Amino acid sequence: MINSWFAMTMLAMESNEVVGLRMAKFCSGGGAAWEEANLMVSEKVSASFEASAAMISGASPLAIINRYRTLVGANIERLKGSGA
């Protein structure tokens, strides 16, 4: 139970960081902002299908949260590396 709470809290904090990094990129405008918006939408659709399939397959909520944290972490690294 504590692991789930911790994972959910960390996901919320990490997701907030991605929101901030993306907003900075969007504010800069141009083609990079447009590409980021398209990537964001496609990633969200893909992640929701992946989570749905995992739930149907019987994955635990903690496993699904941890997978989202992996995806969010990859976004943080990508956005920080791009000079957002």
Protein backbone atom coordinates (compact mmCIF):
# COMPACT_ATOMS: atom_id res chain seq x y z
CA MET A 1 0.00 0.00 0.00
CA ILE A 2 2.79 2.42 0.90
CA ASN A 3 4.60 1.51 -2.34
CA SER A 4 1.50 2.43 -4.33
CA TRP A 5 1.13 5.73 -2.48
CA PHE A 6 4.77 6.58 -3.05
CA ALA A 7 4.60 5.64 -6.73
CA MET A 8 1.44 7.73 -7.27
CA THR A 9 2.98 10.71 -5.52
CA MET A 10 6.17 10.46 -7.54
CA LEU A 11 4.18 10.11 -10.77
CA ALA A 12 2.28 13.29 -9.93
CA MET A 13 5.48 15.21 -9.23
CA GLU A 14 7.29 13.89 -12.30
CA SER A 15 4.29 14.58 -14.52
CA ASN A 16 4.20 18.13 -13.24
CA GLU A 17 7.82 18.54 -14.32
CA VAL A 18 6.95 17.35 -17.83
CA VAL A 19 4.08 19.85 -17.97
CA GLY A 20 6.47 22.67 -17.07
CA LEU A 21 9.07 21.59 -19.61
CA ARG A 22 6.45 21.25 -22.32
CA MET A 23 4.95 24.65 -21.53
CA ALA A 24 8.39 26.21 -21.90
CA LYS A 25 8.76 24.53 -25.28
CA PHE A 26 5.28 25.62 -26.37
CA CYS A 27 5.99 29.21 -25.35
CA SER A 28 9.07 29.26 -27.57
CA GLY A 29 6.80 28.54 -30.54
CA GLY A 30 7.89 27.43 -33.97
CA GLY A 31 8.14 24.00 -35.49
CA ALA A 32 9.60 22.42 -32.37
CA ALA A 33 6.52 23.41 -30.37
CA TRP A 34 4.23 21.99 -33.03
CA GLU A 35 6.19 18.72 -33.13
CA GLU A 36 6.08 18.48 -29.33
CA ALA A 37 2.30 18.97 -29.31
CA ASN A 38 1.86 16.19 -31.88
CA LEU A 39 4.23 13.91 -30.00
CA MET A 40 2.42 14.62 -26.72
CA VAL A 41 -0.96 13.60 -28.16
CA SER A 42 0.36 10.44 -29.81
CA GLU A 43 2.21 9.43 -26.61
CA LYS A 44 -0.92 9.90 -24.51
CA VAL A 45 -3.03 7.79 -26.87
CA SER A 46 -0.38 5.08 -26.98
CA ALA A 47 0.06 5.06 -23.20
CA SER A 48 -3.68 4.79 -22.62
CA PHE A 49 -3.94 1.80 -24.96
CA GLU A 50 -0.94 0.20 -23.27
CA ALA A 51 -2.43 0.75 -19.79
CA SER A 52 -5.80 -0.64 -20.92
CA ALA A 53 -4.17 -3.75 -22.33
CA ALA A 54 -2.16 -4.20 -19.13
CA MET A 55 -5.30 -3.89 -17.00
CA ILE A 56 -7.14 -6.42 -19.16
CA SER A 57 -4.16 -8.76 -18.84
CA GLY A 58 -4.34 -8.51 -15.06
CA ALA A 59 -1.40 -6.23 -14.33
CA SER A 60 -1.36 -4.66 -10.89
CA PRO A 61 -2.10 -0.96 -10.49
CA LEU A 62 1.45 -0.51 -9.18
CA ALA A 63 2.89 -2.08 -12.34
CA ILE A 64 0.84 0.28 -14.50
CA ILE A 65 1.88 3.30 -12.45
CA ASN A 66 5.52 2.27 -12.68
CA ARG A 67 5.23 1.93 -16.46
CA TYR A 68 3.79 5.46 -16.65
CA ARG A 69 6.68 6.67 -14.48
CA THR A 70 9.11 5.12 -16.96
CA LEU A 71 7.43 6.94 -19.84
CA VAL A 72 7.29 10.23 -17.94
CA GLY A 73 10.96 9.87 -16.98
CA ALA A 74 11.89 9.38 -20.62
CA ASN A 75 10.02 12.58 -21.48
CA ILE A 76 11.87 14.49 -18.78
CA GLU A 77 15.22 13.34 -20.12
CA ARG A 78 14.27 14.12 -23.71
CA LEU A 79 12.87 17.56 -22.91
CA LYS A 80 15.79 18.56 -20.69
CA GLY A 81 18.25 17.38 -23.31
CA SER A 82 16.61 19.42 -26.04
CA GLY A 83 17.19 22.69 -24.25
CA ALA A 84 13.51 23.24 -23.51
